[in-house]
Amino acid sequence: MYPNDTIVASATAIGKAGIGVLRVSGPSAKEISTTICQRLLSPRQATVSKFYDATNQVIDSGVSILFTKPNSYTGEDVLELQGHGGLVVQRLLFDRCVELGARPAEAGEFTKRAFLNGKMDLIQAENVAQLINATTAKAVRSANRSMQGESSKQVSQIANHLIDLRAQVEAQIDFSDEEISDLPSIYFLQKLREINLLLDNLVTNVENGLLLQQGIKVVIFGEPNVGKSTIFNRLLKNERALVTDIPGTTRDYLVGQLEIEGLPVQLIDTAGIRNSKDPIEHLGIERTKKELKTANVVLHVKEHPKPNRVSEELHEQLGSEVKLIEIINKSDLRSEKPRTWEEGDGLFVSMSARDDKDIDLLKRAIFESIGSGEIEDTTFMASGRQISAIKQCLKHTKQSLSVVDHMELLAEELRLANSSLGLVTGEVCPDDILGEIFAKFCVGK
């Protein structure tokens, strides 16, 4: 970081637009505002202004706002110049700010300065990027809740419990020879169980948040002419796949995007599985096998419960983490009512792809198969780095249960657990990690 310099960047996308916003942050922001606008700006007041170049020619006109420290996004003096969008006008205004002493901002540097100046913790800072990248309304709401500090409160509650417990353990070690009451092992076991319960809930929460960010991959497979492409089209509400009575119509996989109860879904329709001498169809079947290996949910479509040998062979190759839904399609031809049921470890859906209500039934089965029943309450849109740190904390607190009779070992496990949470909030965060985090942001944020 360069705490004594001033940065500038466009806060809006580069290109033709009605408005283009340039943001300046740092100790020279106030001086730059006076020079460019040729007037003194009152803090936190939108002022209609002309923006001048070095020869007193007008570059643009619009609205200028000066935010004085610490009452700004970054905690520094911040100037926003809201002019017309356009490549040339924005470039001229940007160059003028550089002439006056600002330098081009690095990726995510405005938010990085906000974090370093105590305007937000690292959880809130990373949620800025997650809000920008959100692809569903539910993901936006979840990211906003995290930015308001709800996720930070969850982590801080656990961190405070760990700190209190560490203090008690350290007291047992440091004053073991003095007249203080020894706390029994059952006391520490109870406290650790309470912390582990909070961490288990937090892990569930962040994993649901990850689903909202990344979505899930759903692959449809089965033998030819069982209705795979019809189900694909009906789920997408679009005729993407050709539907005919000719076996092997789908030779390659098709990809579509949809949303199920706020959850992004990548839907893949694959070639029908059967023994075939057609080399093109064979390649399609091989691609089907590859897609099945990376799926989160697999829809195995059949016309009747009787197994197909080739399909069953692929069924056995699915990973243990894959959620399998057996679809018995064309229930209308069998005069059966649509329904879902569990049998063994599998989830079954009897349905007709022609019926909208049955498609809704299938959507619900997909959503529930990945354990997303509580996803509406998700408040923590964590990054992969944060999830890893939280799980590492849980690992140490669980290991602590086995060493409660050894205070020195217990103290070390609790210290490691506390340090792991520090990586989440930014209390313990090396510069190289900070650089990696903010490098993923857009330049103007």
Protein backbone atom coordinates (compact mmCIF):
# COMPACT_ATOMS: atom_id res chain seq x y z
CA MET A 1 0.00 0.00 0.00
CA TYR A 2 0.94 3.62 -0.58
CA PRO A 3 -0.91 5.41 2.25
CA ASN A 4 0.21 8.89 1.18
CA ASP A 5 -0.74 8.77 -2.48
CA THR A 6 -3.97 9.35 -4.39
CA ILE A 7 -5.61 6.92 -6.79
CA VAL A 8 -8.12 7.30 -9.62
CA ALA A 9 -10.25 4.85 -11.61
CA SER A 10 -13.52 4.65 -13.47
CA ALA A 11 -16.29 3.30 -11.23
CA THR A 12 -18.50 2.47 -14.21
CA ALA A 13 -17.97 0.17 -17.17
CA ILE A 14 -15.92 1.65 -19.99
CA GLY A 15 -17.98 2.35 -23.11
CA LYS A 16 -20.91 4.37 -24.42
CA ALA A 17 -23.40 5.13 -21.65
CA GLY A 18 -25.56 7.90 -20.28
CA ILE A 19 -23.32 8.33 -17.23
CA GLY A 20 -19.66 7.71 -16.50
CA VAL A 21 -18.37 7.96 -12.92
CA LEU A 22 -14.74 8.63 -12.06
CA ARG A 23 -13.60 8.05 -8.48
CA VAL A 24 -10.56 9.62 -6.80
CA SER A 25 -9.35 8.65 -3.30
CA GLY A 26 -6.46 9.92 -1.23
CA PRO A 27 -4.94 13.05 0.33
CA SER A 28 -5.00 15.01 -2.95
CA ALA A 29 -8.67 14.35 -3.73
CA LYS A 30 -9.86 17.66 -2.26
CA GLU A 31 -7.22 19.68 -4.15
CA ILE A 32 -8.03 17.85 -7.39
CA SER A 33 -11.72 18.62 -6.94
CA THR A 34 -11.01 22.36 -6.56
CA THR A 35 -8.79 22.45 -9.64
CA ILE A 36 -10.99 20.41 -11.97
CA CYS A 37 -14.28 22.00 -10.90
CA GLN A 38 -12.75 25.47 -10.33
CA ARG A 39 -14.75 25.85 -7.15
CA LEU A 40 -14.78 24.68 -3.54
CA LEU A 41 -17.10 21.75 -2.99
CA SER A 42 -19.13 21.33 0.16
CA PRO A 43 -18.68 17.84 1.63
CA ARG A 44 -21.37 15.28 0.84
CA GLN A 45 -23.33 17.62 -1.41
CA ALA A 46 -24.03 16.84 -5.06
CA THR A 47 -22.97 19.92 -7.03
CA VAL A 48 -23.62 20.64 -10.71
CA SER A 49 -20.16 21.38 -12.13
CA LYS A 50 -18.09 21.84 -15.24
CA PHE A 51 -14.87 19.82 -15.43
CA TYR A 52 -11.89 21.78 -16.82
CA ASP A 53 -8.58 20.74 -18.39
CA ALA A 54 -5.18 22.44 -17.91
CA THR A 55 -6.05 25.15 -20.49
CA ASN A 56 -9.37 25.95 -18.84
CA GLN A 57 -11.28 24.23 -21.62
CA VAL A 58 -14.37 22.31 -20.52
CA ILE A 59 -13.87 18.53 -20.74
CA ASP A 60 -17.38 17.67 -19.60
CA SER A 61 -20.14 18.78 -17.27
CA GLY A 62 -22.05 16.80 -14.67
CA VAL A 63 -22.25 16.31 -10.92
CA SER A 64 -19.35 16.35 -8.46
CA ILE A 65 -19.43 15.03 -4.88
CA LEU A 66 -16.66 15.32 -2.29
CA PHE A 67 -16.62 12.92 0.68
CA THR A 68 -14.16 14.00 3.37
CA LYS A 69 -12.39 11.48 5.58
CA PRO A 70 -13.34 9.42 7.50
CA ASN A 71 -16.90 9.64 6.17
CA SER A 72 -16.27 7.95 2.83
CA TYR A 73 -16.12 4.47 1.34
CA THR A 74 -12.33 4.22 1.70
CA GLY A 75 -11.99 6.26 4.89
CA GLU A 76 -9.97 8.84 2.92
CA ASP A 77 -11.01 11.98 1.04
CA VAL A 78 -12.96 10.74 -1.97
CA LEU A 79 -14.07 12.67 -5.05
CA GLU A 80 -16.69 11.39 -7.49
CA LEU A 81 -17.04 13.05 -10.90
CA GLN A 82 -20.28 11.97 -12.52
CA GLY A 83 -20.18 12.96 -16.16
CA HIS A 84 -21.22 11.52 -19.49
CA GLY A 85 -20.28 7.99 -20.43
CA GLY A 86 -18.01 7.51 -23.42
CA LEU A 87 -14.48 6.33 -24.10
CA VAL A 88 -12.93 9.68 -25.02
CA VAL A 89 -14.59 11.94 -22.45
CA GLN A 90 -13.83 9.53 -19.62
CA ARG A 91 -10.23 9.13 -20.78
CA LEU A 92 -9.70 12.92 -20.91
CA LEU A 93 -11.09 13.30 -17.39
CA PHE A 94 -8.99 10.37 -16.14
CA ASP A 95 -5.82 11.84 -17.70
CA ARG A 96 -6.55 15.20 -16.08
CA CYS A 97 -6.70 13.57 -12.63
CA VAL A 98 -3.37 11.86 -13.31
CA GLU A 99 -1.86 15.22 -14.36
CA LEU A 100 -2.93 16.60 -11.00
CA GLY A 101 -1.10 13.89 -9.05
CA ALA A 102 -3.33 10.84 -8.90
CA ARG A 103 -2.14 7.46 -10.14
CA PRO A 104 -4.21 4.69 -11.77
CA ALA A 105 -5.74 2.47 -9.09
CA GLU A 106 -4.90 -1.20 -8.90
CA ALA A 107 -7.61 -3.87 -9.00
CA GLY A 108 -9.76 -3.66 -5.88
CA GLU A 109 -7.64 -0.90 -4.34
CA PHE A 110 -10.57 1.25 -3.21
CA THR A 111 -12.03 -1.65 -1.22
CA LYS A 112 -8.56 -2.63 -0.01
CA ARG A 113 -8.08 0.86 1.42
CA ALA A 114 -11.51 0.65 3.04
CA PHE A 115 -10.41 -2.56 4.76
CA LEU A 116 -7.02 -1.19 5.84
CA ASN A 117 -8.68 1.97 7.17
CA GLY A 118 -11.13 -0.03 9.28
CA LYS A 119 -14.26 0.81 7.27
CA MET A 120 -15.06 -2.89 6.87
CA ASP A 121 -13.58 -6.25 7.82
CA LEU A 122 -12.27 -8.73 5.28
CA ILE A 123 -15.55 -10.68 5.19
CA GLN A 124 -17.45 -7.56 4.13
CA ALA A 125 -14.72 -6.58 1.68
CA GLU A 126 -14.82 -9.92 -0.13
CA ASN A 127 -18.62 -9.76 -0.24
CA VAL A 128 -18.35 -6.63 -2.39
CA ALA A 129 -16.96 -8.78 -5.20
CA GLN A 130 -19.53 -11.50 -4.55
CA LEU A 131 -22.35 -8.96 -4.79
CA ILE A 132 -21.03 -7.71 -8.14
CA ASN A 133 -20.70 -11.27 -9.46
CA ALA A 134 -24.08 -12.51 -8.15
CA THR A 135 -26.20 -14.19 -10.83
CA THR A 136 -29.53 -14.54 -8.99
CA ALA A 137 -31.71 -12.29 -6.82
CA LYS A 138 -31.24 -14.65 -3.87
CA ALA A 139 -27.45 -14.41 -4.21
CA VAL A 140 -27.72 -10.60 -4.23
CA ARG A 141 -29.80 -10.61 -1.04
CA SER A 142 -27.40 -13.01 0.65
CA ALA A 143 -24.32 -10.97 -0.32
CA ASN A 144 -26.01 -7.80 0.92
CA ARG A 145 -26.75 -9.40 4.30
CA SER A 146 -23.10 -10.36 4.61
CA MET A 147 -22.01 -6.84 3.65
CA GLN A 148 -24.22 -5.45 6.41
CA GLY A 149 -22.15 -7.42 8.92
CA GLU A 150 -24.38 -10.43 9.68
CA SER A 151 -21.66 -12.90 8.67
CA SER A 152 -19.04 -11.01 10.66
CA LYS A 153 -21.26 -11.27 13.76
CA GLN A 154 -21.44 -15.06 13.36
CA VAL A 155 -17.67 -15.39 13.10
CA SER A 156 -17.02 -12.88 15.91
CA GLN A 157 -19.34 -14.79 18.25
CA ILE A 158 -17.32 -17.98 17.72
CA ALA A 159 -14.02 -16.10 17.99
CA ASN A 160 -15.08 -14.58 21.32
CA HIS A 161 -16.00 -18.01 22.69
CA LEU A 162 -12.57 -19.31 21.62
CA ILE A 163 -10.76 -16.36 23.21
CA ASP A 164 -12.63 -16.81 26.50
CA LEU A 165 -11.88 -20.52 26.55
CA ARG A 166 -8.22 -19.91 25.70
CA ALA A 167 -7.96 -17.47 28.62
CA GLN A 168 -9.35 -20.07 31.01
CA VAL A 169 -6.99 -22.75 29.70
CA GLU A 170 -3.99 -20.41 29.95
CA ALA A 171 -4.98 -19.57 33.52
CA GLN A 172 -4.99 -23.27 34.41
CA ILE A 173 -1.46 -23.55 33.01
CA ASP A 174 0.06 -20.33 34.38
CA PHE A 175 -1.42 -20.57 37.87
CA SER A 176 -1.44 -24.33 38.36
CA ASP A 177 0.63 -24.05 41.54
CA GLU A 178 -1.42 -21.27 43.08
CA GLU A 179 -4.66 -21.32 44.98
CA ILE A 180 -7.17 -21.06 42.17
CA SER A 181 -9.93 -23.52 41.49
CA ASP A 182 -9.15 -26.14 38.87
CA LEU A 183 -11.86 -26.43 36.23
CA PRO A 184 -12.87 -30.04 35.54
CA SER A 185 -12.41 -31.63 32.10
CA ILE A 186 -16.17 -31.91 31.69
CA TYR A 187 -16.36 -28.09 31.74
CA PHE A 188 -13.97 -27.76 28.80
CA LEU A 189 -15.74 -30.59 26.95
CA GLN A 190 -19.06 -28.78 27.27
CA LYS A 191 -17.61 -25.48 26.06
CA LEU A 192 -15.91 -27.17 23.10
CA ARG A 193 -19.12 -28.94 22.10
CA GLU A 194 -20.95 -25.60 22.10
CA ILE A 195 -18.25 -24.09 19.88
CA ASN A 196 -18.26 -27.08 17.54
CA LEU A 197 -22.04 -26.81 17.16
CA LEU A 198 -21.70 -23.16 16.16
CA LEU A 199 -18.94 -24.03 13.69
CA ASP A 200 -20.94 -26.92 12.20
CA ASN A 201 -23.83 -24.53 11.57
CA LEU A 202 -21.45 -21.99 10.08
CA VAL A 203 -19.95 -24.59 7.70
CA THR A 204 -23.45 -25.51 6.51
CA ASN A 205 -24.19 -21.85 6.02
CA VAL A 206 -21.09 -21.10 3.95
CA GLU A 207 -21.56 -24.22 1.82
CA ASN A 208 -25.08 -23.04 1.00
CA GLY A 209 -23.59 -19.67 0.16
CA LEU A 210 -21.13 -21.36 -2.19
CA LEU A 211 -24.05 -23.00 -3.99
CA LEU A 212 -25.60 -19.58 -4.50
CA GLN A 213 -22.36 -18.29 -6.00
CA GLN A 214 -21.30 -21.19 -8.20
CA GLY A 215 -24.57 -23.03 -8.79
CA ILE A 216 -24.80 -26.74 -9.51
CA LYS A 217 -24.26 -28.95 -12.54
CA VAL A 218 -27.17 -31.23 -13.44
CA VAL A 219 -26.62 -33.92 -16.09
CA ILE A 220 -29.44 -35.81 -17.80
CA PHE A 221 -28.65 -39.30 -19.11
CA GLY A 222 -30.39 -42.52 -20.06
CA GLU A 223 -31.08 -44.73 -23.04
CA PRO A 224 -32.43 -43.23 -26.30
CA ASN A 225 -36.04 -42.07 -26.67
CA VAL A 226 -36.92 -42.02 -22.97
CA GLY A 227 -37.63 -38.26 -23.00
CA LYS A 228 -34.29 -36.76 -21.96
CA SER A 229 -34.39 -33.92 -24.49
CA THR A 230 -38.04 -33.20 -23.74
CA ILE A 231 -37.22 -32.84 -20.03
CA PHE A 232 -34.23 -30.63 -21.00
CA ASN A 233 -36.44 -28.35 -23.12
CA ARG A 234 -39.23 -28.16 -20.55
CA LEU A 235 -36.85 -27.28 -17.72
CA LEU A 236 -35.34 -24.50 -19.84
CA LYS A 237 -38.75 -23.45 -21.21
CA ASN A 238 -37.07 -23.36 -24.61
CA GLU A 239 -36.85 -25.76 -27.55
CA ARG A 240 -33.07 -26.17 -27.43
CA ALA A 241 -32.85 -29.90 -28.16
CA LEU A 242 -34.32 -31.71 -31.16
CA VAL A 243 -37.01 -34.20 -30.16
CA THR A 244 -37.79 -37.06 -32.60
CA ASP A 245 -38.74 -40.72 -32.50
CA ILE A 246 -35.40 -41.62 -34.10
CA PRO A 247 -32.94 -43.16 -31.59
CA GLY A 248 -29.62 -41.35 -31.31
CA THR A 249 -30.89 -37.90 -32.33
CA THR A 250 -28.74 -36.23 -29.65
CA ARG A 251 -25.14 -36.99 -30.67
CA ASP A 252 -23.37 -34.40 -28.49
CA TYR A 253 -24.26 -32.81 -25.18
CA LEU A 254 -26.25 -29.57 -24.98
CA VAL A 255 -25.86 -26.98 -22.22
CA GLY A 256 -28.50 -24.62 -20.82
CA GLN A 257 -28.79 -22.28 -17.84
CA LEU A 258 -31.75 -21.95 -15.51
CA GLU A 259 -32.62 -20.94 -11.97
CA ILE A 260 -34.38 -23.16 -9.44
CA GLU A 261 -35.62 -21.30 -6.36
CA GLY A 262 -32.78 -18.78 -6.63
CA LEU A 263 -30.10 -21.42 -7.26
CA PRO A 264 -28.11 -21.15 -10.54
CA VAL A 265 -28.21 -24.44 -12.47
CA GLN A 266 -26.16 -25.59 -15.45
CA LEU A 267 -28.27 -28.21 -17.20
CA ILE A 268 -26.69 -30.71 -19.61
CA ASP A 269 -28.55 -33.00 -22.01
CA THR A 270 -26.38 -35.92 -23.12
CA ALA A 271 -26.43 -38.52 -25.88
CA GLY A 272 -28.57 -41.59 -25.31
CA ILE A 273 -26.68 -44.51 -23.76
CA ARG A 274 -26.80 -47.68 -25.87
CA ASN A 275 -24.51 -50.06 -27.72
CA SER A 276 -23.88 -48.46 -31.11
CA LYS A 277 -21.44 -49.00 -33.97
CA ASP A 278 -21.94 -45.44 -35.22
CA PRO A 279 -18.54 -43.72 -34.51
CA ILE A 280 -20.13 -40.26 -34.04
CA GLU A 281 -22.74 -41.59 -31.64
CA HIS A 282 -20.01 -43.50 -29.79
CA LEU A 283 -18.06 -40.24 -29.29
CA GLY A 284 -21.22 -38.64 -27.89
CA ILE A 285 -21.59 -41.47 -25.41
CA GLU A 286 -17.97 -41.08 -24.31
CA ARG A 287 -18.60 -37.38 -23.68
CA THR A 288 -21.63 -38.34 -21.63
CA LYS A 289 -19.40 -40.42 -19.38
CA LYS A 290 -17.05 -37.46 -18.85
CA GLU A 291 -19.90 -35.12 -17.93
CA LEU A 292 -21.28 -37.60 -15.42
CA LYS A 293 -17.99 -37.59 -13.52
CA THR A 294 -18.19 -33.83 -12.84
CA ALA A 295 -21.94 -33.57 -12.08
CA ASN A 296 -23.47 -32.50 -8.78
CA VAL A 297 -26.84 -34.03 -9.64
CA VAL A 298 -27.58 -36.76 -12.21
CA LEU A 299 -31.05 -37.34 -13.66
CA HIS A 300 -31.26 -40.97 -14.85
CA VAL A 301 -34.28 -41.04 -17.17
CA LYS A 302 -36.17 -44.30 -17.87
CA GLU A 303 -39.58 -45.27 -19.23
CA HIS A 304 -40.06 -47.99 -16.62
CA PRO A 305 -38.23 -49.23 -13.49
CA LYS A 306 -36.64 -52.11 -15.42
CA PRO A 307 -32.85 -51.43 -15.59
CA ASN A 308 -30.90 -50.98 -18.82
CA ARG A 309 -27.54 -52.77 -18.75
CA VAL A 310 -25.46 -49.95 -20.31
CA SER A 311 -27.12 -47.29 -18.14
CA GLU A 312 -26.59 -49.37 -15.01
CA GLU A 313 -22.87 -49.66 -15.81
CA LEU A 314 -22.61 -45.86 -15.86
CA HIS A 315 -24.74 -45.72 -12.72
CA GLU A 316 -22.07 -47.70 -10.89
CA GLN A 317 -19.33 -45.29 -12.03
CA LEU A 318 -20.89 -42.23 -10.37
CA GLY A 319 -18.91 -40.72 -7.52
CA SER A 320 -20.12 -41.02 -3.95
CA GLU A 321 -20.82 -37.25 -3.78
CA VAL A 322 -23.14 -37.26 -6.80
CA LYS A 323 -26.85 -36.93 -6.02
CA LEU A 324 -28.81 -39.39 -8.21
CA ILE A 325 -32.47 -38.96 -9.14
CA GLU A 326 -34.14 -41.85 -10.95
CA ILE A 327 -36.83 -40.47 -13.27
CA ILE A 328 -39.55 -42.86 -14.44
CA ASN A 329 -40.87 -40.81 -17.34
CA LYS A 330 -44.09 -41.03 -19.41
CA SER A 331 -46.30 -41.74 -16.41
CA ASP A 332 -49.28 -40.49 -18.47
CA LEU A 333 -48.94 -43.57 -20.71
CA ARG A 334 -49.14 -45.78 -17.63
CA SER A 335 -52.04 -43.83 -16.08
CA GLU A 336 -49.91 -43.16 -12.99
CA LYS A 337 -50.08 -40.10 -10.78
CA PRO A 338 -46.86 -38.08 -10.48
CA ARG A 339 -45.00 -38.68 -7.22
CA THR A 340 -41.60 -38.79 -5.58
CA TRP A 341 -40.31 -41.40 -3.15
CA GLU A 342 -37.12 -42.68 -1.62
CA GLU A 343 -35.98 -46.24 -2.04
CA GLY A 344 -32.70 -47.38 -0.53
CA ASP A 345 -30.21 -44.56 -1.11
CA GLY A 346 -32.00 -43.30 -4.22
CA LEU A 347 -34.63 -40.66 -4.93
CA PHE A 348 -37.30 -41.61 -7.49
CA VAL A 349 -39.65 -39.38 -9.49
CA SER A 350 -42.55 -40.76 -11.51
CA MET A 351 -43.63 -38.07 -13.96
CA SER A 352 -44.60 -37.00 -17.45
CA ALA A 353 -42.33 -34.50 -19.17
CA ARG A 354 -45.40 -33.11 -20.95
CA ASP A 355 -47.01 -31.85 -17.75
CA ASP A 356 -45.92 -28.49 -16.28
CA LYS A 357 -46.85 -29.60 -12.74
CA ASP A 358 -44.59 -32.65 -13.12
CA ILE A 359 -41.72 -30.41 -14.25
CA ASP A 360 -42.24 -28.32 -11.11
CA LEU A 361 -42.15 -31.54 -9.09
CA LEU A 362 -38.80 -32.43 -10.70
CA LYS A 363 -37.37 -28.97 -9.99
CA ARG A 364 -38.25 -29.35 -6.33
CA ALA A 365 -36.64 -32.79 -6.22
CA ILE A 366 -33.43 -31.37 -7.73
CA PHE A 367 -33.39 -28.54 -5.19
CA GLU A 368 -33.99 -30.81 -2.21
CA SER A 369 -31.52 -33.48 -3.37
CA ILE A 370 -28.57 -31.19 -2.64
CA GLY A 371 -29.79 -30.32 0.84
CA SER A 372 -30.77 -26.75 0.00
CA GLY A 373 -33.87 -26.59 2.14
CA GLU A 374 -32.35 -23.85 4.34
CA ILE A 375 -30.67 -21.91 1.54
CA GLU A 376 -33.17 -19.06 1.93
CA ASP A 377 -31.61 -18.28 5.31
CA THR A 378 -28.04 -18.23 4.01
CA THR A 379 -26.26 -15.09 5.16
CA PHE A 380 -22.61 -15.92 4.52
CA MET A 381 -21.40 -15.69 0.92
CA ALA A 382 -17.91 -16.96 1.73
CA SER A 383 -15.00 -17.34 -0.65
CA GLY A 384 -13.13 -20.61 -1.08
CA ARG A 385 -10.33 -19.20 1.06
CA GLN A 386 -12.73 -18.36 3.87
CA ILE A 387 -14.45 -21.76 3.72
CA SER A 388 -11.08 -23.51 3.96
CA ALA A 389 -10.12 -21.42 7.01
CA ILE A 390 -13.46 -22.09 8.76
CA LYS A 391 -13.11 -25.84 8.18
CA GLN A 392 -9.54 -25.70 9.48
CA CYS A 393 -10.83 -24.00 12.63
CA LEU A 394 -13.43 -26.74 13.07
CA LYS A 395 -10.71 -29.38 12.62
CA HIS A 396 -8.71 -27.90 15.51
CA THR A 397 -11.71 -27.52 17.83
CA LYS A 398 -12.68 -31.14 17.21
CA GLN A 399 -9.11 -32.26 17.89
CA SER A 400 -9.32 -30.27 21.13
CA LEU A 401 -11.95 -32.70 22.42
CA SER A 402 -9.34 -35.45 22.61
CA VAL A 403 -6.79 -33.41 24.60
CA VAL A 404 -8.91 -31.77 27.30
CA ASP A 405 -6.87 -33.57 29.97
CA HIS A 406 -3.65 -32.00 28.63
CA MET A 407 -3.84 -28.23 29.07
CA GLU A 408 -0.74 -27.39 27.01
CA LEU A 409 -2.01 -29.38 24.01
CA LEU A 410 -5.49 -27.93 24.42
CA ALA A 411 -4.09 -24.39 24.50
CA GLU A 412 -2.20 -24.99 21.24
CA GLU A 413 -5.23 -26.42 19.43
CA LEU A 414 -7.34 -23.45 20.54
CA ARG A 415 -4.62 -21.02 19.39
CA LEU A 416 -4.55 -22.63 15.94
CA ALA A 417 -8.35 -22.54 15.76
CA ASN A 418 -8.39 -18.85 16.66
CA SER A 419 -5.72 -18.07 14.05
CA SER A 420 -7.78 -19.82 11.38
CA LEU A 421 -10.76 -17.56 12.14
CA GLY A 422 -8.42 -14.58 12.01
CA LEU A 423 -7.74 -15.42 8.37
CA VAL A 424 -11.47 -15.11 7.70
CA THR A 425 -11.96 -11.65 9.23
CA GLY A 426 -8.55 -10.30 8.24
CA GLU A 427 -7.21 -9.98 11.79
CA VAL A 428 -4.49 -12.40 10.71
CA CYS A 429 -3.79 -11.85 7.04
CA PRO A 430 -0.35 -11.57 5.37
CA ASP A 431 0.16 -9.00 2.62
CA ASP A 432 0.49 -11.64 -0.10
CA ILE A 433 -2.96 -13.03 0.76
CA LEU A 434 -4.45 -9.53 0.72
CA GLY A 435 -2.91 -8.93 -2.69
CA GLU A 436 -4.36 -12.17 -4.02
CA ILE A 437 -7.83 -11.35 -2.66
CA PHE A 438 -8.13 -7.84 -4.08
CA ALA A 439 -6.48 -8.70 -7.41
CA LYS A 440 -9.76 -10.48 -8.30
CA PHE A 441 -11.77 -7.25 -7.98
CA CYS A 442 -12.54 -4.88 -10.82
CA VAL A 443 -10.26 -1.84 -10.98
CA GLY A 444 -12.88 0.74 -9.95
CA LYS A 445 -14.05 -1.02 -6.79
